[in-house]
Amino acid sequence: MKTVRKGKISGKTPQPPKRGFLDGQMLIAMPSMRDERFMRSVIYVCAHSSDGAMGIVVNQLVPDLDFARLLVKLDVIPSEQRIELRDDARTVPILKGGPVDTQRGFVLHSSDYFTENSTLPIDDGICLTATIDILKAIAHGSGPEDAVLALGYAGWAPGQLESEIQDNGWLHCSADRDLIFGGNTGQKYSMALQKLGIQPGMLSSEAGHA
């Protein structure tokens, strides 16, 4: 197993896969979104191709659950080590990543951490890892500089996301680190719209096409 972190390269430098569709972009729910699980949601698209799409909701926190307590629950650290965790580990946000596979954790993180055969490079220095090794690395101070942990993910069947966009369900914009890793989770919806020069009040709740 080869690991890349803090900009120090061991072995082959990971390269993002060939771009397809909207991977590496942010989806922004339109007011016409009727699925309450995705109302006012902002989603980072991790993969999108003719086979479907997968993304992580980045603006919905899991209530009443902190990272240290979750590490204990998953037996990553013993309970007595909670108070010894580094501050950057304690403050890793735990997100409701989507309605699929909600008992599984997915870590979006900067590319200074990379585990061969486990980490998926996405775009612009952002990666996804879904193994417990990255949680252990974060707990012991050898994890990525930036990280959020999501429970579950959002998934679309082939052609489904394209259809929802056509039906005025989603806008999309380029991603940035504040939208993915920023601590002001409650403001991410407005921040994403502002990247497009849109104020929330400008959007109609009626579906339609330009």
N, C-alpha and C. Protein backbone atom coordinates (compact mmCIF):
# COMPACT_ATOMS: atom_id res chain seq x y z
N MET A 1 0.83 -1.19 0.00
CA MET A 1 0.00 0.00 0.00
C MET A 1 0.87 1.24 0.00
N LYS A 2 0.62 2.17 -0.93
CA LYS A 2 1.38 3.40 -1.03
C LYS A 2 0.50 4.57 -0.68
N THR A 3 1.05 5.46 0.10
CA THR A 3 0.27 6.60 0.56
C THR A 3 0.95 7.89 0.16
N VAL A 4 0.15 8.85 -0.32
CA VAL A 4 0.64 10.17 -0.64
C VAL A 4 -0.05 11.16 0.27
N ARG A 5 0.69 11.99 1.00
CA ARG A 5 0.06 12.96 1.88
C ARG A 5 0.99 14.15 2.05
N LYS A 6 0.38 15.28 2.40
CA LYS A 6 1.12 16.51 2.65
C LYS A 6 2.04 16.89 1.50
N GLY A 7 1.66 16.50 0.29
CA GLY A 7 2.45 16.87 -0.88
C GLY A 7 3.69 16.03 -1.09
N LYS A 8 3.92 15.04 -0.24
CA LYS A 8 5.09 14.18 -0.39
C LYS A 8 4.68 12.94 -1.16
N ILE A 9 5.35 12.69 -2.25
CA ILE A 9 4.92 11.65 -3.17
C ILE A 9 5.70 10.36 -2.93
N SER A 10 4.97 9.27 -2.80
CA SER A 10 5.57 7.95 -2.69
C SER A 10 4.96 7.09 -3.78
N GLY A 11 5.76 6.63 -4.72
CA GLY A 11 5.22 5.86 -5.82
C GLY A 11 4.65 6.76 -6.89
N LYS A 12 3.72 6.26 -7.65
CA LYS A 12 3.14 6.98 -8.78
C LYS A 12 2.15 8.03 -8.33
N THR A 13 2.25 9.24 -8.86
CA THR A 13 1.31 10.30 -8.52
C THR A 13 -0.06 9.96 -9.09
N PRO A 14 -1.13 10.02 -8.25
CA PRO A 14 -2.46 9.70 -8.77
C PRO A 14 -2.92 10.75 -9.76
N GLN A 15 -3.58 10.31 -10.82
CA GLN A 15 -4.13 11.22 -11.81
C GLN A 15 -5.64 11.03 -11.88
N PRO A 16 -6.40 12.12 -12.02
CA PRO A 16 -7.85 11.98 -12.16
C PRO A 16 -8.19 11.18 -13.40
N PRO A 17 -9.32 10.48 -13.36
CA PRO A 17 -9.74 9.75 -14.56
C PRO A 17 -10.16 10.72 -15.64
N LYS A 18 -10.33 10.21 -16.84
CA LYS A 18 -10.80 11.05 -17.94
C LYS A 18 -12.14 11.66 -17.59
N ARG A 19 -12.26 12.99 -17.80
CA ARG A 19 -13.48 13.69 -17.43
C ARG A 19 -14.68 13.15 -18.18
N GLY A 20 -15.77 13.07 -17.46
CA GLY A 20 -17.02 12.69 -18.08
C GLY A 20 -18.14 13.51 -17.49
N PHE A 21 -18.89 14.17 -18.33
CA PHE A 21 -20.08 14.86 -17.91
C PHE A 21 -19.83 15.87 -16.77
N LEU A 22 -20.49 15.70 -15.62
CA LEU A 22 -20.43 16.71 -14.55
C LEU A 22 -19.57 16.29 -13.36
N ASP A 23 -18.77 15.26 -13.48
CA ASP A 23 -17.94 14.89 -12.33
C ASP A 23 -16.99 16.04 -11.99
N GLY A 24 -16.86 16.30 -10.69
CA GLY A 24 -16.06 17.42 -10.22
C GLY A 24 -16.82 18.73 -10.17
N GLN A 25 -18.11 18.72 -10.47
CA GLN A 25 -18.96 19.92 -10.42
C GLN A 25 -19.90 19.86 -9.22
N MET A 26 -20.54 21.00 -8.93
CA MET A 26 -21.54 21.06 -7.87
C MET A 26 -22.93 21.10 -8.50
N LEU A 27 -23.85 20.31 -7.96
CA LEU A 27 -25.27 20.41 -8.30
C LEU A 27 -25.96 21.26 -7.25
N ILE A 28 -26.86 22.13 -7.69
CA ILE A 28 -27.60 23.01 -6.79
C ILE A 28 -29.08 22.77 -7.03
N ALA A 29 -29.81 22.36 -5.99
CA ALA A 29 -31.23 22.06 -6.14
C ALA A 29 -32.02 23.31 -6.47
N MET A 30 -32.89 23.22 -7.47
CA MET A 30 -33.80 24.30 -7.80
C MET A 30 -34.98 24.31 -6.82
N PRO A 31 -35.67 25.45 -6.68
CA PRO A 31 -36.85 25.48 -5.81
C PRO A 31 -37.93 24.49 -6.24
N SER A 32 -37.90 24.08 -7.51
CA SER A 32 -38.89 23.11 -8.00
C SER A 32 -38.61 21.69 -7.51
N MET A 33 -37.48 21.47 -6.83
CA MET A 33 -37.15 20.15 -6.30
C MET A 33 -38.18 19.73 -5.26
N ARG A 34 -38.91 18.66 -5.54
CA ARG A 34 -39.98 18.20 -4.64
C ARG A 34 -39.54 17.10 -3.69
N ASP A 35 -38.42 16.48 -3.97
CA ASP A 35 -37.91 15.43 -3.08
C ASP A 35 -37.29 16.11 -1.86
N GLU A 36 -37.94 15.97 -0.70
CA GLU A 36 -37.50 16.71 0.49
C GLU A 36 -36.09 16.33 0.93
N ARG A 37 -35.60 15.19 0.52
CA ARG A 37 -34.24 14.80 0.87
C ARG A 37 -33.21 15.69 0.17
N PHE A 38 -33.62 16.33 -0.91
CA PHE A 38 -32.67 17.14 -1.69
C PHE A 38 -33.05 18.61 -1.78
N MET A 39 -34.07 19.02 -1.06
CA MET A 39 -34.46 20.43 -1.09
C MET A 39 -33.31 21.31 -0.59
N ARG A 40 -32.98 22.36 -1.34
CA ARG A 40 -31.90 23.30 -1.02
C ARG A 40 -30.57 22.58 -0.79
N SER A 41 -30.36 21.49 -1.48
CA SER A 41 -29.12 20.74 -1.31
C SER A 41 -28.07 21.18 -2.32
N VAL A 42 -26.83 21.02 -1.92
CA VAL A 42 -25.67 21.23 -2.78
C VAL A 42 -24.90 19.91 -2.80
N ILE A 43 -24.64 19.39 -3.98
CA ILE A 43 -24.05 18.06 -4.11
C ILE A 43 -22.78 18.14 -4.94
N TYR A 44 -21.71 17.57 -4.41
CA TYR A 44 -20.48 17.43 -5.18
C TYR A 44 -20.55 16.14 -5.97
N VAL A 45 -20.44 16.24 -7.29
CA VAL A 45 -20.56 15.06 -8.15
C VAL A 45 -19.21 14.35 -8.23
N CYS A 46 -19.18 13.14 -7.70
CA CYS A 46 -17.93 12.37 -7.66
C CYS A 46 -17.72 11.57 -8.94
N ALA A 47 -18.79 11.15 -9.57
CA ALA A 47 -18.68 10.36 -10.79
C ALA A 47 -19.94 10.57 -11.62
N HIS A 48 -19.77 10.73 -12.92
CA HIS A 48 -20.91 10.90 -13.82
C HIS A 48 -20.51 10.41 -15.20
N SER A 49 -21.24 9.46 -15.71
CA SER A 49 -20.96 8.89 -17.02
C SER A 49 -22.24 8.34 -17.58
N SER A 50 -22.14 7.66 -18.69
CA SER A 50 -23.33 7.03 -19.28
C SER A 50 -23.88 5.91 -18.40
N ASP A 51 -23.10 5.49 -17.40
CA ASP A 51 -23.55 4.45 -16.48
C ASP A 51 -24.34 4.99 -15.30
N GLY A 52 -24.43 6.32 -15.17
CA GLY A 52 -25.14 6.92 -14.05
C GLY A 52 -24.27 7.94 -13.34
N ALA A 53 -24.66 8.32 -12.14
CA ALA A 53 -23.93 9.35 -11.40
C ALA A 53 -23.97 9.06 -9.91
N MET A 54 -22.97 9.59 -9.22
CA MET A 54 -22.86 9.44 -7.77
C MET A 54 -22.30 10.74 -7.21
N GLY A 55 -22.89 11.22 -6.11
CA GLY A 55 -22.40 12.45 -5.50
C GLY A 55 -22.62 12.47 -4.00
N ILE A 56 -22.05 13.49 -3.36
CA ILE A 56 -22.13 13.67 -1.91
C ILE A 56 -22.78 15.01 -1.61
N VAL A 57 -23.86 14.99 -0.81
CA VAL A 57 -24.47 16.24 -0.34
C VAL A 57 -23.52 16.88 0.66
N VAL A 58 -23.16 18.14 0.43
CA VAL A 58 -22.14 18.78 1.26
C VAL A 58 -22.70 19.86 2.20
N ASN A 59 -24.02 20.05 2.22
CA ASN A 59 -24.57 21.13 3.05
C ASN A 59 -25.64 20.66 4.03
N GLN A 60 -25.59 19.38 4.39
CA GLN A 60 -26.53 18.86 5.39
C GLN A 60 -25.75 18.09 6.46
N LEU A 61 -25.66 18.66 7.65
CA LEU A 61 -24.94 18.02 8.74
C LEU A 61 -25.79 16.95 9.42
N VAL A 62 -25.13 15.90 9.89
CA VAL A 62 -25.79 14.91 10.74
C VAL A 62 -25.93 15.53 12.14
N PRO A 63 -27.14 15.66 12.67
CA PRO A 63 -27.29 16.29 13.99
C PRO A 63 -26.79 15.39 15.12
N ASP A 64 -26.25 16.03 16.14
CA ASP A 64 -25.90 15.34 17.40
C ASP A 64 -24.92 14.19 17.22
N LEU A 65 -23.97 14.35 16.29
CA LEU A 65 -22.93 13.34 16.14
C LEU A 65 -21.63 14.03 15.80
N ASP A 66 -20.61 13.82 16.64
CA ASP A 66 -19.31 14.43 16.36
C ASP A 66 -18.32 13.34 15.94
N PHE A 67 -17.25 13.79 15.31
CA PHE A 67 -16.30 12.87 14.71
C PHE A 67 -15.63 11.97 15.75
N ALA A 68 -15.28 12.53 16.90
CA ALA A 68 -14.61 11.74 17.93
C ALA A 68 -15.51 10.60 18.42
N ARG A 69 -16.78 10.91 18.64
CA ARG A 69 -17.72 9.88 19.11
C ARG A 69 -17.91 8.80 18.04
N LEU A 70 -17.92 9.21 16.77
CA LEU A 70 -18.07 8.24 15.71
C LEU A 70 -16.85 7.32 15.62
N LEU A 71 -15.65 7.87 15.82
CA LEU A 71 -14.44 7.05 15.79
C LEU A 71 -14.49 5.97 16.88
N VAL A 72 -15.00 6.34 18.04
CA VAL A 72 -15.14 5.36 19.12
C VAL A 72 -16.16 4.29 18.75
N LYS A 73 -17.29 4.74 18.19
CA LYS A 73 -18.35 3.82 17.80
C LYS A 73 -17.87 2.81 16.76
N LEU A 74 -16.97 3.24 15.88
CA LEU A 74 -16.45 2.36 14.83
C LEU A 74 -15.21 1.59 15.27
N ASP A 75 -14.83 1.72 16.55
CA ASP A 75 -13.66 1.04 17.10
C ASP A 75 -12.36 1.47 16.42
N VAL A 76 -12.35 2.71 15.89
CA VAL A 76 -11.11 3.25 15.34
C VAL A 76 -10.17 3.66 16.45
N ILE A 77 -10.73 4.23 17.52
CA ILE A 77 -9.97 4.58 18.71
C ILE A 77 -10.74 4.13 19.94
N PRO A 78 -10.04 3.83 21.05
CA PRO A 78 -10.75 3.53 22.30
C PRO A 78 -11.33 4.80 22.89
N SER A 79 -12.35 4.65 23.71
CA SER A 79 -13.06 5.80 24.27
C SER A 79 -12.14 6.76 25.01
N GLU A 80 -11.13 6.24 25.71
CA GLU A 80 -10.25 7.09 26.51
C GLU A 80 -9.36 7.98 25.65
N GLN A 81 -9.25 7.69 24.36
CA GLN A 81 -8.41 8.51 23.49
C GLN A 81 -9.15 9.68 22.86
N ARG A 82 -10.45 9.81 23.14
CA ARG A 82 -11.21 10.91 22.56
C ARG A 82 -10.62 12.26 22.91
N ILE A 83 -10.22 12.41 24.16
CA ILE A 83 -9.71 13.72 24.60
C ILE A 83 -8.32 14.00 24.05
N GLU A 84 -7.65 12.98 23.50
CA GLU A 84 -6.30 13.17 22.96
C GLU A 84 -6.30 13.49 21.47
N LEU A 85 -7.47 13.48 20.84
CA LEU A 85 -7.53 13.76 19.41
C LEU A 85 -7.08 15.17 19.11
N ARG A 86 -6.38 15.34 17.99
CA ARG A 86 -5.99 16.66 17.53
C ARG A 86 -7.23 17.48 17.20
N ASP A 87 -7.10 18.79 17.31
CA ASP A 87 -8.24 19.67 17.04
C ASP A 87 -8.77 19.50 15.62
N ASP A 88 -7.87 19.33 14.64
CA ASP A 88 -8.34 19.20 13.27
C ASP A 88 -9.11 17.91 13.04
N ALA A 89 -8.82 16.88 13.86
CA ALA A 89 -9.58 15.64 13.78
C ALA A 89 -10.95 15.80 14.45
N ARG A 90 -10.98 16.49 15.57
CA ARG A 90 -12.23 16.69 16.30
C ARG A 90 -13.28 17.42 15.47
N THR A 91 -12.81 18.31 14.60
CA THR A 91 -13.73 19.20 13.90
C THR A 91 -14.09 18.73 12.49
N VAL A 92 -13.74 17.51 12.12
CA VAL A 92 -14.14 16.99 10.81
C VAL A 92 -15.67 16.94 10.75
N PRO A 93 -16.31 17.63 9.79
CA PRO A 93 -17.77 17.62 9.71
C PRO A 93 -18.30 16.24 9.31
N ILE A 94 -19.45 15.89 9.87
CA ILE A 94 -20.14 14.66 9.47
C ILE A 94 -21.41 15.06 8.74
N LEU A 95 -21.50 14.68 7.49
CA LEU A 95 -22.58 15.12 6.62
C LEU A 95 -23.56 13.99 6.32
N LYS A 96 -24.80 14.38 6.04
CA LYS A 96 -25.77 13.45 5.48
C LYS A 96 -25.52 13.44 3.97
N GLY A 97 -24.72 12.50 3.51
CA GLY A 97 -24.25 12.53 2.14
C GLY A 97 -25.28 12.17 1.10
N GLY A 98 -26.38 11.55 1.52
CA GLY A 98 -27.42 11.16 0.59
C GLY A 98 -28.19 9.96 1.11
N PRO A 99 -29.26 9.59 0.43
CA PRO A 99 -30.15 8.54 0.96
C PRO A 99 -29.70 7.11 0.67
N VAL A 100 -28.62 6.93 -0.08
CA VAL A 100 -28.17 5.58 -0.45
C VAL A 100 -27.04 5.13 0.47
N ASP A 101 -27.15 3.91 0.99
CA ASP A 101 -26.07 3.30 1.79
C ASP A 101 -25.69 4.19 2.98
N THR A 102 -26.68 4.58 3.76
CA THR A 102 -26.47 5.57 4.83
C THR A 102 -25.65 5.05 6.01
N GLN A 103 -25.41 3.76 6.08
CA GLN A 103 -24.59 3.22 7.16
C GLN A 103 -23.11 3.18 6.79
N ARG A 104 -22.80 3.62 5.58
CA ARG A 104 -21.42 3.59 5.10
C ARG A 104 -20.84 4.99 5.05
N GLY A 105 -19.56 5.12 5.39
CA GLY A 105 -18.90 6.42 5.39
C GLY A 105 -18.10 6.65 4.12
N PHE A 106 -18.17 7.88 3.62
CA PHE A 106 -17.42 8.30 2.43
C PHE A 106 -16.69 9.59 2.78
N VAL A 107 -15.38 9.61 2.61
CA VAL A 107 -14.59 10.79 2.96
C VAL A 107 -14.18 11.52 1.69
N LEU A 108 -14.67 12.76 1.54
CA LEU A 108 -14.16 13.67 0.51
C LEU A 108 -12.96 14.37 1.10
N HIS A 109 -11.86 14.44 0.37
CA HIS A 109 -10.65 14.99 0.98
C HIS A 109 -9.70 15.55 -0.06
N SER A 110 -8.73 16.30 0.42
CA SER A 110 -7.69 16.84 -0.45
C SER A 110 -6.74 15.71 -0.87
N SER A 111 -6.03 15.96 -1.97
CA SER A 111 -5.25 14.88 -2.59
C SER A 111 -3.90 14.63 -1.94
N ASP A 112 -3.64 15.26 -0.78
CA ASP A 112 -2.40 14.97 -0.07
C ASP A 112 -2.46 13.63 0.67
N TYR A 113 -3.61 12.98 0.62
CA TYR A 113 -3.74 11.60 1.12
C TYR A 113 -4.23 10.75 -0.05
N PHE A 114 -3.55 9.64 -0.28
CA PHE A 114 -3.94 8.75 -1.38
C PHE A 114 -3.55 7.33 -1.03
N THR A 115 -4.53 6.42 -1.09
CA THR A 115 -4.28 5.01 -0.87
C THR A 115 -4.58 4.27 -2.17
N GLU A 116 -3.57 3.62 -2.70
CA GLU A 116 -3.72 2.93 -3.97
C GLU A 116 -4.82 1.89 -3.89
N ASN A 117 -5.65 1.84 -4.92
CA ASN A 117 -6.77 0.91 -5.04
C ASN A 117 -7.94 1.22 -4.12
N SER A 118 -7.84 2.30 -3.32
CA SER A 118 -8.94 2.67 -2.43
C SER A 118 -9.41 4.11 -2.64
N THR A 119 -8.51 4.98 -3.07
CA THR A 119 -8.83 6.39 -3.24
C THR A 119 -9.16 6.69 -4.70
N LEU A 120 -10.28 7.39 -4.90
CA LEU A 120 -10.70 7.80 -6.24
C LEU A 120 -10.35 9.27 -6.47
N PRO A 121 -9.40 9.60 -7.34
CA PRO A 121 -9.16 10.99 -7.69
C PRO A 121 -10.33 11.50 -8.53
N ILE A 122 -10.83 12.68 -8.19
CA ILE A 122 -12.00 13.20 -8.91
C ILE A 122 -11.60 14.35 -9.82
N ASP A 123 -11.27 15.51 -9.22
CA ASP A 123 -10.94 16.66 -10.04
C ASP A 123 -10.32 17.74 -9.17
N ASP A 124 -9.33 18.47 -9.70
CA ASP A 124 -8.78 19.66 -9.06
C ASP A 124 -8.35 19.41 -7.61
N GLY A 125 -7.64 18.30 -7.40
CA GLY A 125 -7.10 18.03 -6.07
C GLY A 125 -8.08 17.49 -5.07
N ILE A 126 -9.25 17.02 -5.51
CA ILE A 126 -10.26 16.44 -4.63
C ILE A 126 -10.35 14.95 -4.88
N CYS A 127 -10.40 14.18 -3.79
CA CYS A 127 -10.47 12.71 -3.88
C CYS A 127 -11.58 12.18 -2.99
N LEU A 128 -11.92 10.91 -3.19
CA LEU A 128 -12.91 10.21 -2.38
C LEU A 128 -12.32 8.89 -1.92
N THR A 129 -12.40 8.64 -0.62
CA THR A 129 -11.96 7.36 -0.06
C THR A 129 -13.05 6.83 0.85
N ALA A 130 -13.36 5.53 0.74
CA ALA A 130 -14.46 4.96 1.49
C ALA A 130 -14.03 3.78 2.35
N THR A 131 -12.75 3.75 2.75
CA THR A 131 -12.27 2.69 3.63
C THR A 131 -11.96 3.27 5.00
N ILE A 132 -11.93 2.40 6.00
CA ILE A 132 -11.71 2.86 7.37
C ILE A 132 -10.28 3.33 7.60
N ASP A 133 -9.37 2.98 6.69
CA ASP A 133 -7.97 3.39 6.83
C ASP A 133 -7.82 4.90 6.92
N ILE A 134 -8.63 5.63 6.15
CA ILE A 134 -8.49 7.09 6.17
C ILE A 134 -8.97 7.66 7.50
N LEU A 135 -9.97 7.02 8.14
CA LEU A 135 -10.40 7.48 9.45
C LEU A 135 -9.30 7.26 10.49
N LYS A 136 -8.61 6.14 10.38
CA LYS A 136 -7.49 5.87 11.28
C LYS A 136 -6.38 6.89 11.06
N ALA A 137 -6.11 7.22 9.78
CA ALA A 137 -5.07 8.19 9.49
C ALA A 137 -5.41 9.57 10.06
N ILE A 138 -6.67 9.99 9.91
CA ILE A 138 -7.10 11.27 10.47
C ILE A 138 -6.96 11.27 11.99
N ALA A 139 -7.38 10.17 12.61
CA ALA A 139 -7.32 10.08 14.08
C ALA A 139 -5.89 10.15 14.59
N HIS A 140 -4.92 9.67 13.81
CA HIS A 140 -3.53 9.62 14.26
C HIS A 140 -2.67 10.72 13.65
N GLY A 141 -3.33 11.71 13.03
CA GLY A 141 -2.59 12.88 12.54
C GLY A 141 -1.87 12.69 11.23
N SER A 142 -2.19 11.64 10.48
CA SER A 142 -1.52 11.40 9.21
C SER A 142 -2.50 11.42 8.05
N GLY A 143 -3.64 12.05 8.26
CA GLY A 143 -4.66 12.12 7.22
C GLY A 143 -4.50 13.33 6.33
N PRO A 144 -5.49 13.60 5.48
CA PRO A 144 -5.42 14.74 4.56
C PRO A 144 -5.59 16.06 5.30
N GLU A 145 -5.13 17.13 4.66
CA GLU A 145 -5.27 18.46 5.25
C GLU A 145 -6.73 18.87 5.35
N ASP A 146 -7.52 18.57 4.33
CA ASP A 146 -8.95 18.90 4.30
C ASP A 146 -9.76 17.63 4.14
N ALA A 147 -10.85 17.50 4.92
CA ALA A 147 -11.68 16.31 4.82
C ALA A 147 -13.06 16.57 5.39
N VAL A 148 -14.06 15.94 4.79
CA VAL A 148 -15.40 15.85 5.36
C VAL A 148 -15.83 14.39 5.25
N LEU A 149 -16.56 13.92 6.26
CA LEU A 149 -17.06 12.56 6.27
C LEU A 149 -18.56 12.59 5.98
N ALA A 150 -18.99 11.83 5.00
CA ALA A 150 -20.41 11.75 4.66
C ALA A 150 -20.93 10.35 4.94
N LEU A 151 -22.12 10.29 5.53
CA LEU A 151 -22.80 9.02 5.71
C LEU A 151 -23.84 8.90 4.60
N GLY A 152 -23.61 7.94 3.70
CA GLY A 152 -24.48 7.77 2.55
C GLY A 152 -24.06 8.64 1.37
N TYR A 153 -24.76 8.43 0.26
CA TYR A 153 -24.47 9.21 -0.94
C TYR A 153 -25.74 9.33 -1.78
N ALA A 154 -25.68 10.19 -2.77
CA ALA A 154 -26.77 10.34 -3.74
C ALA A 154 -26.39 9.61 -5.02
N GLY A 155 -27.32 8.84 -5.57
CA GLY A 155 -27.02 8.08 -6.77
C GLY A 155 -28.11 8.23 -7.81
N TRP A 156 -27.73 8.15 -9.09
CA TRP A 156 -28.65 8.26 -10.20
C TRP A 156 -28.41 7.12 -11.19
N ALA A 157 -29.47 6.57 -11.73
CA ALA A 157 -29.38 5.55 -12.76
C ALA A 157 -28.94 6.19 -14.08
N PRO A 158 -28.55 5.38 -15.07
CA PRO A 158 -28.15 5.95 -16.36
C PRO A 158 -29.21 6.89 -16.93
N GLY A 159 -28.80 8.11 -17.27
CA GLY A 159 -29.70 9.08 -17.86
C GLY A 159 -30.60 9.82 -16.89
N GLN A 160 -30.66 9.37 -15.61
CA GLN A 160 -31.58 9.97 -14.66
C GLN A 160 -31.20 11.40 -14.31
N LEU A 161 -29.93 11.65 -14.03
CA LEU A 161 -29.51 13.00 -13.67
C LEU A 161 -29.72 13.96 -14.83
N GLU A 162 -29.39 13.53 -16.04
CA GLU A 162 -29.60 14.37 -17.22
C GLU A 162 -31.07 14.75 -17.35
N SER A 163 -31.95 13.78 -17.09
CA SER A 163 -33.39 14.03 -17.17
C SER A 163 -33.85 15.03 -16.11
N GLU A 164 -33.30 14.90 -14.88
CA GLU A 164 -33.68 15.82 -13.81
C GLU A 164 -33.20 17.23 -14.10
N ILE A 165 -32.03 17.36 -14.70
CA ILE A 165 -31.53 18.69 -15.07
C ILE A 165 -32.41 19.28 -16.17
N GLN A 166 -32.78 18.46 -17.14
CA GLN A 166 -33.65 18.92 -18.23
C GLN A 166 -35.00 19.36 -17.70
N ASP A 167 -35.47 18.71 -16.62
CA ASP A 167 -36.76 19.05 -16.01
C ASP A 167 -36.64 20.17 -14.98
N ASN A 168 -35.52 20.88 -15.00
CA ASN A 168 -35.34 22.06 -14.16
C ASN A 168 -35.19 21.70 -12.67
N GLY A 169 -34.64 20.50 -12.39
CA GLY A 169 -34.45 20.10 -11.00
C GLY A 169 -33.14 20.60 -10.41
N TRP A 170 -32.12 20.81 -11.27
CA TRP A 170 -30.79 21.16 -10.78
C TRP A 170 -30.14 22.23 -11.65
N LEU A 171 -29.40 23.10 -10.99
CA LEU A 171 -28.40 23.92 -11.65
C LEU A 171 -27.04 23.29 -11.35
N HIS A 172 -25.99 23.73 -12.04
CA HIS A 172 -24.66 23.24 -11.68
C HIS A 172 -23.64 24.35 -11.86
N CYS A 173 -22.57 24.27 -11.05
CA CYS A 173 -21.52 25.26 -11.10
C CYS A 173 -20.19 24.57 -10.80
N SER A 174 -19.10 25.28 -11.00
CA SER A 174 -17.80 24.72 -10.68
C SER A 174 -17.66 24.56 -9.17
N ALA A 175 -16.83 23.62 -8.76
CA ALA A 175 -16.62 23.38 -7.33
C ALA A 175 -15.48 24.26 -6.82
N ASP A 176 -15.47 24.52 -5.52
CA ASP A 176 -14.31 25.11 -4.87
C ASP A 176 -14.21 24.56 -3.46
N ARG A 177 -13.09 24.79 -2.83
CA ARG A 177 -12.83 24.17 -1.53
C ARG A 177 -13.77 24.66 -0.44
N ASP A 178 -14.20 25.94 -0.52
CA ASP A 178 -15.14 26.44 0.48
C ASP A 178 -16.47 25.71 0.40
N LEU A 179 -16.93 25.43 -0.80
CA LEU A 179 -18.19 24.71 -0.95
C LEU A 179 -18.09 23.28 -0.45
N ILE A 180 -16.93 22.68 -0.59
CA ILE A 180 -16.77 21.29 -0.16
C ILE A 180 -16.38 21.19 1.31
N PHE A 181 -15.34 21.94 1.69
CA PHE A 181 -14.76 21.76 3.03
C PHE A 181 -15.07 22.90 3.99
N GLY A 182 -15.68 23.98 3.53
CA GLY A 182 -15.92 25.13 4.39
C GLY A 182 -16.81 24.82 5.58
N GLY A 183 -16.58 25.52 6.68
CA GLY A 183 -17.32 25.25 7.90
C GLY A 183 -18.69 25.88 7.96
N ASN A 184 -18.98 26.83 7.09
CA ASN A 184 -20.29 27.49 7.13
C ASN A 184 -21.30 26.70 6.29
N THR A 185 -21.62 25.51 6.78
CA THR A 185 -22.44 24.57 6.02
C THR A 185 -23.79 25.16 5.64
N GLY A 186 -24.40 25.89 6.55
CA GLY A 186 -25.72 26.44 6.30
C GLY A 186 -25.76 27.49 5.22
N GLN A 187 -24.61 28.05 4.83
CA GLN A 187 -24.56 29.09 3.82
C GLN A 187 -24.17 28.56 2.44
N LYS A 188 -23.90 27.27 2.33
CA LYS A 188 -23.37 26.74 1.08
C LYS A 188 -24.36 26.83 -0.08
N TYR A 189 -25.64 26.74 0.20
CA TYR A 189 -26.63 26.85 -0.87
C TYR A 189 -26.57 28.24 -1.50
N SER A 190 -26.58 29.27 -0.66
CA SER A 190 -26.48 30.63 -1.17
C SER A 190 -25.14 30.88 -1.85
N MET A 191 -24.07 30.33 -1.27
CA MET A 191 -22.74 30.51 -1.86
C MET A 191 -22.67 29.90 -3.26
N ALA A 192 -23.26 28.72 -3.43
CA ALA A 192 -23.22 28.07 -4.73
C ALA A 192 -24.01 28.88 -5.76
N LEU A 193 -25.17 29.39 -5.37
CA LEU A 193 -25.95 30.21 -6.29
C LEU A 193 -25.20 31.49 -6.66
N GLN A 194 -24.51 32.08 -5.68
CA GLN A 194 -23.78 33.31 -5.95
C GLN A 194 -22.65 33.09 -6.95
N LYS A 195 -22.10 31.87 -7.01
CA LYS A 195 -21.09 31.58 -8.03
C LYS A 195 -21.67 31.72 -9.43
N LEU A 196 -22.98 31.56 -9.55
CA LEU A 196 -23.66 31.71 -10.83
C LEU A 196 -24.26 33.10 -11.00
N GLY A 197 -24.04 33.97 -10.00
CA GLY A 197 -24.59 35.32 -10.06
C GLY A 197 -26.08 35.35 -9.78
N ILE A 198 -26.57 34.38 -9.00
CA ILE A 198 -28.01 34.25 -8.73
C ILE A 198 -28.29 34.44 -7.24
N GLN A 199 -29.30 35.21 -6.92
CA GLN A 199 -29.83 35.30 -5.57
C GLN A 199 -30.98 34.31 -5.44
N PRO A 200 -31.12 33.63 -4.28
CA PRO A 200 -32.18 32.62 -4.15
C PRO A 200 -33.57 33.14 -4.52
N GLY A 201 -33.87 34.39 -4.22
CA GLY A 201 -35.18 34.94 -4.52
C GLY A 201 -35.45 35.11 -6.00
N MET A 202 -34.39 35.02 -6.82
CA MET A 202 -34.55 35.18 -8.26
C MET A 202 -35.08 33.91 -8.92
N LEU A 203 -35.01 32.78 -8.21
CA LEU A 203 -35.39 31.51 -8.80
C LEU A 203 -36.88 31.26 -8.68
N SER A 204 -37.48 30.77 -9.73
CA SER A 204 -38.89 30.41 -9.70
C SER A 204 -39.05 28.98 -9.24
N SER A 205 -40.11 28.73 -8.50
CA SER A 205 -40.39 27.35 -8.08
C SER A 205 -41.13 26.58 -9.15
N GLU A 206 -41.47 27.25 -10.26
CA GLU A 206 -42.16 26.57 -11.36
C GLU A 206 -41.12 25.96 -12.31
N ALA A 207 -41.31 24.74 -12.68
CA ALA A 207 -40.42 24.10 -13.63
C ALA A 207 -40.62 24.71 -15.01
N GLY A 208 -39.55 24.76 -15.75
CA GLY A 208 -39.63 25.33 -17.10
C GLY A 208 -38.29 25.25 -17.77
N HIS A 209 -38.21 25.64 -18.99
CA HIS A 209 -36.97 25.57 -19.74
C HIS A 209 -36.70 26.90 -20.41
N ALA A 210 -35.43 27.28 -20.41
CA ALA A 210 -35.06 28.54 -21.05
C ALA A 210 -35.13 28.39 -22.55
